[in-house]
């Protein structure tokens, strides 16, 4: 299995500094700052990037589980809402709430929920988030 690399460069103090993050593949590069992380200023932040990884991993893993059962998903839309808050005076990622809407011909609601729960638990990024409260809202659409 491959090892993936990303890079971050930070310049300055926490509150007045700024930085850039870049994926090793070159597919994304973006600025980040205290304000883009802890306020609502433009730019990215680590939690947003973790959310993208979590949503992407979950959707792929759910597709894998469905394919193994003979289903061909038409679409899987996943969002991850990653929360950072103060815990014991330290910024801590406390949760990642997944929401998914999928269109899977021939799949019943009970089977869909079972597969979605399995993907929530077993996708590699979810395993990396052990210690974080991960929740799931799943909707099967026709």
Protein backbone atom coordinates (compact mmCIF):
# COMPACT_ATOMS: atom_id res chain seq x y z
CA UNK A 1 0.00 0.00 0.00
CA UNK A 2 1.30 3.50 -0.77
CA UNK A 3 2.36 6.16 1.71
CA UNK A 4 0.81 9.56 0.99
CA UNK A 5 2.51 12.86 1.75
CA UNK A 6 1.21 16.37 2.37
CA UNK A 7 3.12 19.50 3.34
CA UNK A 8 2.37 22.50 5.53
CA UNK A 9 4.40 25.67 5.96
CA UNK A 10 3.57 28.13 8.74
CA UNK A 11 5.14 31.56 9.13
CA UNK A 12 4.74 33.77 12.18
CA UNK A 13 2.86 33.55 15.43
CA UNK A 14 -0.38 31.64 15.93
CA UNK A 15 -2.64 34.71 15.79
CA UNK A 16 -0.78 36.85 13.24
CA UNK A 17 0.90 34.17 11.14
CA UNK A 18 -0.32 32.28 8.12
CA UNK A 19 0.50 29.20 6.17
CA UNK A 20 -0.15 27.01 3.19
CA UNK A 21 -0.99 23.34 2.94
CA UNK A 22 -0.34 21.27 -0.14
CA UNK A 23 -1.20 17.73 -1.09
CA UNK A 24 1.71 15.66 -2.35
CA UNK A 25 -0.23 14.86 -5.51
CA UNK A 26 -0.54 18.55 -6.32
CA UNK A 27 -4.33 18.24 -6.50
CA UNK A 28 -4.82 20.92 -3.82
CA UNK A 29 -2.91 23.82 -2.34
CA UNK A 30 -4.47 26.38 -0.08
CA UNK A 31 -3.79 29.05 2.53
CA UNK A 32 -4.74 28.75 6.18
CA UNK A 33 -4.58 31.00 9.21
CA UNK A 34 -5.83 31.32 12.76
CA UNK A 35 -8.89 33.14 11.43
CA UNK A 36 -9.65 30.49 8.77
CA UNK A 37 -9.40 27.81 11.44
CA UNK A 38 -11.06 29.31 14.50
CA UNK A 39 -13.18 32.05 12.91
CA UNK A 40 -14.93 32.40 9.55
CA UNK A 41 -12.20 33.92 7.38
CA UNK A 42 -11.50 32.58 3.90
CA UNK A 43 -8.94 29.81 3.60
CA UNK A 44 -8.81 26.19 4.58
CA UNK A 45 -8.00 24.51 7.88
CA UNK A 46 -6.97 21.07 9.15
CA UNK A 47 -10.52 20.19 10.24
CA UNK A 48 -11.91 20.88 6.76
CA UNK A 49 -9.20 18.69 5.25
CA UNK A 50 -9.94 15.91 7.77
CA UNK A 51 -13.62 16.24 6.85
CA UNK A 52 -12.84 15.87 3.14
CA UNK A 53 -10.75 12.79 3.89
CA UNK A 54 -13.44 11.31 6.12
CA UNK A 55 -16.30 11.90 3.66
CA UNK A 56 -14.28 10.62 0.71
CA UNK A 57 -13.08 7.52 2.52
CA UNK A 58 -16.55 6.73 3.85
CA UNK A 59 -18.17 7.05 0.39
CA UNK A 60 -15.55 4.80 -1.23
CA UNK A 61 -15.77 2.21 1.52
CA UNK A 62 -19.57 2.15 1.35
CA UNK A 63 -19.32 1.62 -2.43
CA UNK A 64 -16.95 -1.30 -1.79
CA UNK A 65 -19.29 -2.93 0.70
CA UNK A 66 -22.27 -2.51 -1.63
CA UNK A 67 -20.33 -3.87 -4.61
CA UNK A 68 -19.35 -6.96 -2.60
CA UNK A 69 -23.06 -7.62 -2.08
CA UNK A 70 -23.79 -7.26 -5.80
CA UNK A 71 -25.15 -3.69 -5.78
CA UNK A 72 -24.11 -0.96 -8.19
CA UNK A 73 -24.51 2.43 -6.48
CA UNK A 74 -25.71 5.16 -8.83
CA UNK A 75 -24.46 7.83 -6.40
CA UNK A 76 -23.23 8.30 -2.85
CA UNK A 77 -23.07 11.84 -1.49
CA UNK A 78 -21.29 12.15 1.85
CA UNK A 79 -20.55 15.16 4.03
CA UNK A 80 -18.45 15.26 7.19
CA UNK A 81 -19.00 18.03 9.72
CA UNK A 82 -15.83 18.14 11.85
CA UNK A 83 -16.04 20.03 15.15
CA UNK A 84 -13.12 21.51 17.06
CA UNK A 85 -13.72 22.93 20.53
CA UNK A 86 -11.94 23.61 23.78
CA UNK A 87 -11.53 20.58 26.05
CA UNK A 88 -9.63 21.15 29.28
CA UNK A 89 -8.35 24.42 27.83
CA UNK A 90 -6.96 22.83 24.66
CA UNK A 91 -8.39 22.86 21.13
CA UNK A 92 -9.61 19.33 20.44
CA UNK A 93 -11.33 17.69 17.49
CA UNK A 94 -14.33 16.24 19.28
CA UNK A 95 -16.59 14.93 16.54
CA UNK A 96 -17.16 14.16 12.90
CA UNK A 97 -20.79 13.91 11.87
CA UNK A 98 -21.26 12.04 8.60
CA UNK A 99 -24.36 12.59 6.52
CA UNK A 100 -24.92 10.42 3.48
CA UNK A 101 -27.51 10.23 0.77
CA UNK A 102 -27.21 7.35 -1.66
CA UNK A 103 -29.07 6.09 -4.68
CA UNK A 104 -28.61 2.33 -4.95
CA UNK A 105 -31.04 0.46 -7.24
CA UNK A 106 -32.52 -2.67 -5.66
CA UNK A 107 -31.22 -2.01 -2.13
CA UNK A 108 -33.64 -1.96 0.80
CA UNK A 109 -33.43 0.49 3.71
CA UNK A 110 -32.34 -2.10 6.32
CA UNK A 111 -29.45 -3.38 4.19
CA UNK A 112 -28.41 0.17 3.37
CA UNK A 113 -28.27 1.16 7.04
CA UNK A 114 -26.24 -1.97 7.87
CA UNK A 115 -23.69 -1.20 5.14
CA UNK A 116 -23.54 2.49 6.05
CA UNK A 117 -22.86 1.65 9.71
CA UNK A 118 -20.14 -0.79 8.67
CA UNK A 119 -18.51 1.87 6.48
CA UNK A 120 -18.74 4.38 9.34
CA UNK A 121 -16.80 2.01 11.59
CA UNK A 122 -14.40 0.37 9.16
CA UNK A 123 -13.23 2.95 6.62
CA UNK A 124 -9.53 3.68 7.21
CA UNK A 125 -10.04 7.36 8.06
CA UNK A 126 -12.70 6.47 10.66
CA UNK A 127 -10.18 4.14 12.25
CA UNK A 128 -7.67 7.01 12.35
CA UNK A 129 -10.29 9.12 14.14
CA UNK A 130 -10.57 6.67 17.05
CA UNK A 131 -11.27 8.73 20.15
CA UNK A 132 -13.44 11.16 18.19
CA UNK A 133 -17.23 10.90 18.36
CA UNK A 134 -18.28 9.82 14.86
CA UNK A 135 -22.01 9.86 14.10
CA UNK A 136 -23.96 9.01 10.95
CA UNK A 137 -27.22 10.06 9.32
CA UNK A 138 -27.94 7.91 6.30
CA UNK A 139 -30.65 8.35 3.67
CA UNK A 140 -31.42 5.93 0.85
CA UNK A 141 -33.11 7.74 -2.03
CA UNK A 142 -34.94 6.27 -4.97
